[in-house]
Amino acid sequence: MKRIARRAVLAGLSSAALLTSLSLGATNAAAINEVPCGPEFLKLQLHYSGGGWFDRCYANAGQITLDTSGSLWVTKIETGNNMMQWYGDGRWQPAVPIAKWTTYTWPSFPNGVRIERINITANVH
């Protein structure tokens, strides 16, 4: 009888350990966040239609919605050590994320483009 009880306890402990490892392995990915600008971060150059501009920088994989309503436009992207896409005109662009260490501009649209969201993809090693 002792062997049966011991096996039941071991089976229960094994199940609990397995469930714990599965729940710990399913952690959420780091969320994208705004950071002070540096060469390794994603940098967006934003312009107002009336003049002036400023930079915003982001780190970590994920998505964020930008407030580019009204007269605010993105005129330049520097990816740093990130791969990224933007959402505008009802779709994710470009179809393949922009590579790391790339500067992206819109020479055909000197006033820039309106971007609703950005997505930093997880860096694949």
N, C-alpha and C. Protein backbone atom coordinates (compact mmCIF):
# COMPACT_ATOMS: atom_id res chain seq x y z
N MET A 1 0.82 -1.19 0.00
CA MET A 1 0.00 0.00 0.00
C MET A 1 0.87 1.26 0.00
N LYS A 2 2.00 1.20 0.72
CA LYS A 2 2.88 2.36 0.76
C LYS A 2 3.39 2.70 -0.64
N ARG A 3 3.73 1.70 -1.45
CA ARG A 3 4.24 1.95 -2.80
C ARG A 3 3.21 2.65 -3.67
N ILE A 4 1.97 2.24 -3.56
CA ILE A 4 0.92 2.86 -4.34
C ILE A 4 0.76 4.33 -3.94
N ALA A 5 0.78 4.59 -2.66
CA ALA A 5 0.64 5.97 -2.18
C ALA A 5 1.83 6.80 -2.64
N ARG A 6 3.02 6.23 -2.55
CA ARG A 6 4.22 6.97 -2.97
C ARG A 6 4.16 7.27 -4.47
N ARG A 7 3.73 6.31 -5.28
CA ARG A 7 3.60 6.54 -6.72
C ARG A 7 2.57 7.63 -7.01
N ALA A 8 1.48 7.63 -6.28
CA ALA A 8 0.45 8.64 -6.48
C ALA A 8 0.98 10.03 -6.15
N VAL A 9 1.73 10.13 -5.05
CA VAL A 9 2.32 11.42 -4.66
C VAL A 9 3.33 11.86 -5.72
N LEU A 10 4.19 10.97 -6.19
CA LEU A 10 5.17 11.31 -7.22
C LEU A 10 4.48 11.73 -8.52
N ALA A 11 3.42 11.03 -8.88
CA ALA A 11 2.69 11.39 -10.10
C ALA A 11 2.07 12.78 -9.95
N GLY A 12 1.52 13.06 -8.77
CA GLY A 12 0.94 14.38 -8.52
C GLY A 12 1.99 15.47 -8.57
N LEU A 13 3.15 15.22 -7.96
CA LEU A 13 4.23 16.20 -7.98
C LEU A 13 4.76 16.43 -9.39
N SER A 14 4.86 15.36 -10.17
CA SER A 14 5.31 15.49 -11.56
C SER A 14 4.33 16.33 -12.36
N SER A 15 3.05 16.09 -12.17
CA SER A 15 2.03 16.88 -12.88
C SER A 15 2.10 18.34 -12.49
N ALA A 16 2.27 18.60 -11.20
CA ALA A 16 2.36 19.99 -10.73
C ALA A 16 3.60 20.67 -11.29
N ALA A 17 4.71 19.95 -11.32
CA ALA A 17 5.94 20.53 -11.87
C ALA A 17 5.78 20.83 -13.36
N LEU A 18 5.13 19.93 -14.09
CA LEU A 18 4.91 20.14 -15.51
C LEU A 18 4.02 21.35 -15.75
N LEU A 19 2.93 21.47 -15.01
CA LEU A 19 2.03 22.61 -15.16
C LEU A 19 2.74 23.92 -14.82
N THR A 20 3.56 23.90 -13.78
CA THR A 20 4.31 25.11 -13.41
C THR A 20 5.28 25.50 -14.51
N SER A 21 6.00 24.54 -15.08
CA SER A 21 6.96 24.87 -16.13
C SER A 21 6.25 25.37 -17.38
N LEU A 22 5.07 24.83 -17.70
CA LEU A 22 4.33 25.31 -18.86
C LEU A 22 3.83 26.73 -18.64
N SER A 23 3.35 27.02 -17.46
CA SER A 23 2.83 28.37 -17.22
C SER A 23 3.96 29.38 -17.15
N LEU A 24 5.12 29.00 -16.64
CA LEU A 24 6.26 29.91 -16.61
C LEU A 24 6.83 30.13 -18.00
N GLY A 25 6.76 29.12 -18.86
CA GLY A 25 7.29 29.24 -20.21
C GLY A 25 6.43 30.11 -21.11
N ALA A 26 5.21 30.36 -20.70
CA ALA A 26 4.29 31.14 -21.54
C ALA A 26 4.22 32.60 -21.08
N THR A 27 5.36 33.19 -20.79
CA THR A 27 5.36 34.57 -20.34
C THR A 27 5.10 35.51 -21.51
N ASN A 28 4.61 36.69 -21.22
CA ASN A 28 4.34 37.68 -22.25
C ASN A 28 5.64 38.26 -22.78
N ALA A 29 5.64 38.65 -24.04
CA ALA A 29 6.81 39.29 -24.65
C ALA A 29 6.94 40.70 -24.09
N ALA A 30 8.15 41.21 -24.12
CA ALA A 30 8.37 42.57 -23.67
C ALA A 30 7.57 43.53 -24.53
N ALA A 31 6.98 44.51 -23.90
CA ALA A 31 6.18 45.48 -24.64
C ALA A 31 7.06 46.62 -25.15
N ILE A 32 6.71 47.10 -26.33
CA ILE A 32 7.42 48.24 -26.90
C ILE A 32 7.24 49.45 -25.97
N ASN A 33 8.28 50.25 -25.83
CA ASN A 33 8.15 51.45 -25.02
C ASN A 33 9.03 52.56 -25.57
N GLU A 34 8.65 53.80 -25.25
CA GLU A 34 9.42 54.96 -25.67
C GLU A 34 10.65 55.10 -24.77
N VAL A 35 11.79 55.41 -25.38
CA VAL A 35 13.06 55.52 -24.65
C VAL A 35 13.79 56.77 -25.12
N PRO A 36 14.78 57.24 -24.34
CA PRO A 36 15.64 58.32 -24.84
C PRO A 36 16.38 57.83 -26.08
N CYS A 37 16.54 58.69 -27.06
CA CYS A 37 17.14 58.28 -28.33
C CYS A 37 18.59 57.88 -28.18
N GLY A 38 18.96 56.84 -28.91
CA GLY A 38 20.32 56.35 -29.00
C GLY A 38 20.43 55.57 -30.30
N PRO A 39 21.63 55.32 -30.79
CA PRO A 39 21.77 54.70 -32.12
C PRO A 39 21.19 53.29 -32.23
N GLU A 40 21.04 52.58 -31.12
CA GLU A 40 20.54 51.21 -31.19
C GLU A 40 19.02 51.12 -31.22
N PHE A 41 18.32 52.23 -30.97
CA PHE A 41 16.86 52.21 -30.89
C PHE A 41 16.21 52.63 -32.20
N LEU A 42 14.95 52.24 -32.36
CA LEU A 42 14.15 52.69 -33.49
C LEU A 42 13.87 54.17 -33.30
N LYS A 43 14.15 54.99 -34.33
CA LYS A 43 13.92 56.43 -34.24
C LYS A 43 12.99 56.87 -35.36
N LEU A 44 11.94 57.58 -34.99
CA LEU A 44 11.02 58.18 -35.94
C LEU A 44 11.22 59.69 -35.90
N GLN A 45 11.35 60.31 -37.07
CA GLN A 45 11.42 61.76 -37.14
C GLN A 45 10.03 62.25 -37.55
N LEU A 46 9.43 63.04 -36.69
CA LEU A 46 8.07 63.52 -36.89
C LEU A 46 8.08 65.01 -37.18
N HIS A 47 7.27 65.43 -38.15
CA HIS A 47 7.19 66.84 -38.54
C HIS A 47 5.76 67.33 -38.41
N TYR A 48 5.64 68.59 -38.04
CA TYR A 48 4.35 69.29 -38.08
C TYR A 48 4.24 69.94 -39.45
N SER A 49 3.04 69.98 -39.99
CA SER A 49 2.88 70.59 -41.31
C SER A 49 3.22 72.08 -41.30
N GLY A 50 3.15 72.73 -40.16
CA GLY A 50 3.46 74.14 -40.08
C GLY A 50 4.94 74.45 -39.88
N GLY A 51 5.78 73.44 -39.79
CA GLY A 51 7.20 73.69 -39.54
C GLY A 51 7.73 72.73 -38.49
N GLY A 52 8.56 72.92 -37.67
CA GLY A 52 9.08 72.13 -36.57
C GLY A 52 9.05 70.61 -36.70
N TRP A 53 9.94 69.98 -35.99
CA TRP A 53 10.03 68.52 -36.00
C TRP A 53 10.61 68.05 -34.68
N PHE A 54 10.47 66.77 -34.39
CA PHE A 54 11.05 66.15 -33.20
C PHE A 54 11.24 64.66 -33.46
N ASP A 55 12.06 64.02 -32.64
CA ASP A 55 12.32 62.58 -32.75
C ASP A 55 11.64 61.85 -31.60
N ARG A 56 11.19 60.63 -31.89
CA ARG A 56 10.71 59.70 -30.87
C ARG A 56 11.42 58.39 -31.08
N CYS A 57 11.88 57.79 -29.99
CA CYS A 57 12.62 56.53 -30.08
C CYS A 57 11.93 55.44 -29.26
N TYR A 58 12.06 54.20 -29.76
CA TYR A 58 11.37 53.07 -29.15
C TYR A 58 12.31 51.87 -29.03
N ALA A 59 12.02 51.03 -28.03
CA ALA A 59 12.79 49.81 -27.82
C ALA A 59 11.83 48.66 -27.51
N ASN A 60 12.31 47.45 -27.66
CA ASN A 60 11.61 46.21 -27.35
C ASN A 60 10.58 45.83 -28.42
N ALA A 61 10.40 44.54 -28.58
CA ALA A 61 9.47 44.03 -29.59
C ALA A 61 8.04 44.29 -29.15
N GLY A 62 7.18 44.56 -30.13
CA GLY A 62 5.77 44.78 -29.86
C GLY A 62 5.20 45.84 -30.77
N GLN A 63 3.98 46.25 -30.45
CA GLN A 63 3.29 47.26 -31.26
C GLN A 63 2.89 48.43 -30.38
N ILE A 64 2.81 49.60 -30.99
CA ILE A 64 2.34 50.78 -30.30
C ILE A 64 1.57 51.65 -31.29
N THR A 65 0.51 52.28 -30.81
CA THR A 65 -0.27 53.20 -31.63
C THR A 65 0.31 54.59 -31.47
N LEU A 66 0.50 55.28 -32.59
CA LEU A 66 1.03 56.63 -32.58
C LEU A 66 -0.10 57.64 -32.72
N ASP A 67 0.03 58.76 -32.05
CA ASP A 67 -0.94 59.84 -32.22
C ASP A 67 -0.40 60.77 -33.30
N THR A 68 -0.70 60.42 -34.54
CA THR A 68 -0.26 61.26 -35.66
C THR A 68 -1.46 61.93 -36.30
N SER A 69 -2.45 62.22 -35.48
CA SER A 69 -3.64 62.89 -36.00
C SER A 69 -3.32 64.34 -36.35
N GLY A 70 -4.18 64.90 -37.12
CA GLY A 70 -4.00 66.30 -37.48
C GLY A 70 -2.85 66.53 -38.42
N SER A 71 -1.89 67.33 -38.00
CA SER A 71 -0.84 67.77 -38.91
C SER A 71 0.52 67.14 -38.60
N LEU A 72 0.55 65.96 -38.03
CA LEU A 72 1.81 65.31 -37.66
C LEU A 72 2.11 64.18 -38.64
N TRP A 73 3.34 64.18 -39.20
CA TRP A 73 3.74 63.22 -40.22
C TRP A 73 5.10 62.63 -39.90
N VAL A 74 5.32 61.36 -40.27
CA VAL A 74 6.63 60.73 -40.14
C VAL A 74 7.39 60.97 -41.43
N THR A 75 8.62 61.50 -41.31
CA THR A 75 9.41 61.79 -42.50
C THR A 75 10.66 60.91 -42.62
N LYS A 76 11.03 60.25 -41.52
CA LYS A 76 12.25 59.44 -41.56
C LYS A 76 12.18 58.39 -40.46
N ILE A 77 12.67 57.19 -40.80
CA ILE A 77 12.78 56.09 -39.84
C ILE A 77 14.23 55.63 -39.84
N GLU A 78 14.80 55.48 -38.67
CA GLU A 78 16.11 54.84 -38.51
C GLU A 78 15.86 53.64 -37.61
N THR A 79 16.13 52.43 -38.13
CA THR A 79 15.75 51.22 -37.40
C THR A 79 16.68 50.87 -36.24
N GLY A 80 17.92 51.34 -36.26
CA GLY A 80 18.85 50.92 -35.20
C GLY A 80 19.00 49.41 -35.23
N ASN A 81 19.05 48.81 -34.06
CA ASN A 81 19.22 47.36 -33.95
C ASN A 81 17.85 46.67 -33.90
N ASN A 82 16.94 47.07 -34.77
CA ASN A 82 15.57 46.56 -34.78
C ASN A 82 15.10 46.31 -36.20
N MET A 83 14.11 45.44 -36.33
CA MET A 83 13.40 45.27 -37.59
C MET A 83 11.99 45.78 -37.33
N MET A 84 11.43 46.52 -38.28
CA MET A 84 10.12 47.11 -38.01
C MET A 84 9.26 47.25 -39.25
N GLN A 85 7.95 47.41 -38.99
CA GLN A 85 6.95 47.72 -40.00
C GLN A 85 6.05 48.81 -39.42
N TRP A 86 5.32 49.50 -40.31
CA TRP A 86 4.34 50.46 -39.84
C TRP A 86 2.99 50.12 -40.44
N TYR A 87 1.95 50.58 -39.75
CA TYR A 87 0.58 50.40 -40.23
C TYR A 87 0.07 51.74 -40.70
N GLY A 88 -0.31 51.81 -41.97
CA GLY A 88 -0.86 53.02 -42.56
C GLY A 88 -1.60 52.65 -43.84
N ASP A 89 -2.54 53.43 -44.22
CA ASP A 89 -3.35 53.16 -45.42
C ASP A 89 -4.02 51.79 -45.34
N GLY A 90 -4.38 51.37 -44.13
CA GLY A 90 -5.13 50.13 -43.96
C GLY A 90 -4.35 48.84 -44.07
N ARG A 91 -2.99 48.91 -43.99
CA ARG A 91 -2.21 47.66 -44.07
C ARG A 91 -0.83 47.86 -43.44
N TRP A 92 -0.19 46.73 -43.08
CA TRP A 92 1.17 46.76 -42.57
C TRP A 92 2.14 46.94 -43.73
N GLN A 93 3.08 47.85 -43.59
CA GLN A 93 4.03 48.17 -44.65
C GLN A 93 5.45 48.21 -44.09
N PRO A 94 6.43 47.94 -44.88
CA PRO A 94 6.38 47.14 -46.10
C PRO A 94 6.00 45.70 -45.76
N ALA A 95 5.80 44.88 -46.78
CA ALA A 95 5.36 43.49 -46.56
C ALA A 95 6.37 42.71 -45.74
N VAL A 96 7.65 43.00 -45.92
CA VAL A 96 8.73 42.38 -45.15
C VAL A 96 9.30 43.47 -44.25
N PRO A 97 9.51 43.20 -42.95
CA PRO A 97 10.01 44.25 -42.06
C PRO A 97 11.30 44.89 -42.58
N ILE A 98 11.45 46.18 -42.30
CA ILE A 98 12.67 46.91 -42.65
C ILE A 98 13.82 46.34 -41.82
N ALA A 99 14.95 46.10 -42.45
CA ALA A 99 16.10 45.47 -41.80
C ALA A 99 16.72 46.37 -40.73
N LYS A 100 17.51 45.76 -39.87
CA LYS A 100 18.27 46.50 -38.86
C LYS A 100 19.22 47.47 -39.54
N TRP A 101 19.54 48.55 -38.84
CA TRP A 101 20.53 49.55 -39.25
C TRP A 101 20.20 50.17 -40.62
N THR A 102 18.90 50.40 -40.85
CA THR A 102 18.44 50.98 -42.11
C THR A 102 17.81 52.35 -41.86
N THR A 103 18.09 53.29 -42.75
CA THR A 103 17.42 54.58 -42.74
C THR A 103 16.41 54.57 -43.86
N TYR A 104 15.17 54.92 -43.55
CA TYR A 104 14.06 54.84 -44.50
C TYR A 104 13.43 56.22 -44.60
N THR A 105 13.35 56.75 -45.81
CA THR A 105 12.71 58.04 -46.04
C THR A 105 11.74 57.91 -47.21
N TRP A 106 10.97 58.96 -47.45
CA TRP A 106 10.00 58.98 -48.53
C TRP A 106 10.31 60.14 -49.46
N PRO A 107 11.25 59.98 -50.39
CA PRO A 107 11.59 61.08 -51.28
C PRO A 107 10.42 61.49 -52.18
N SER A 108 9.52 60.57 -52.48
CA SER A 108 8.37 60.90 -53.32
C SER A 108 7.30 61.67 -52.55
N PHE A 109 7.39 61.61 -51.21
CA PHE A 109 6.44 62.30 -50.34
C PHE A 109 7.24 63.16 -49.37
N PRO A 110 7.72 64.31 -49.81
CA PRO A 110 8.60 65.12 -48.96
C PRO A 110 7.96 65.54 -47.65
N ASN A 111 6.64 65.56 -47.58
CA ASN A 111 5.98 65.88 -46.31
C ASN A 111 5.85 64.68 -45.39
N GLY A 112 6.31 63.51 -45.84
CA GLY A 112 6.24 62.31 -45.01
C GLY A 112 4.93 61.57 -45.20
N VAL A 113 4.71 60.59 -44.33
CA VAL A 113 3.50 59.77 -44.38
C VAL A 113 2.88 59.71 -42.99
N ARG A 114 1.60 59.43 -42.98
CA ARG A 114 0.91 59.26 -41.71
C ARG A 114 1.00 57.78 -41.32
N ILE A 115 1.47 57.54 -40.13
CA ILE A 115 1.63 56.18 -39.62
C ILE A 115 0.75 56.04 -38.38
N GLU A 116 -0.12 55.02 -38.37
CA GLU A 116 -1.01 54.82 -37.24
C GLU A 116 -0.37 53.99 -36.13
N ARG A 117 0.38 52.95 -36.52
CA ARG A 117 1.01 52.06 -35.55
C ARG A 117 2.38 51.64 -36.05
N ILE A 118 3.23 51.24 -35.14
CA ILE A 118 4.50 50.65 -35.52
C ILE A 118 4.63 49.30 -34.84
N ASN A 119 5.38 48.43 -35.45
CA ASN A 119 5.61 47.09 -34.93
C ASN A 119 7.10 46.81 -34.99
N ILE A 120 7.72 46.62 -33.84
CA ILE A 120 9.11 46.16 -33.79
C ILE A 120 9.04 44.65 -33.68
N THR A 121 9.60 43.95 -34.66
CA THR A 121 9.56 42.50 -34.64
C THR A 121 10.67 41.97 -33.76
N ALA A 122 10.46 40.77 -33.25
CA ALA A 122 11.48 40.13 -32.41
C ALA A 122 12.71 39.89 -33.28
N ASN A 123 13.86 40.17 -32.73
CA ASN A 123 15.10 39.94 -33.48
C ASN A 123 15.37 38.45 -33.54
N VAL A 124 15.51 37.94 -34.75
CA VAL A 124 15.77 36.52 -34.97
C VAL A 124 17.27 36.34 -35.08
N HIS A 125 17.82 35.43 -34.30
CA HIS A 125 19.27 35.20 -34.32
C HIS A 125 19.60 34.00 -35.16
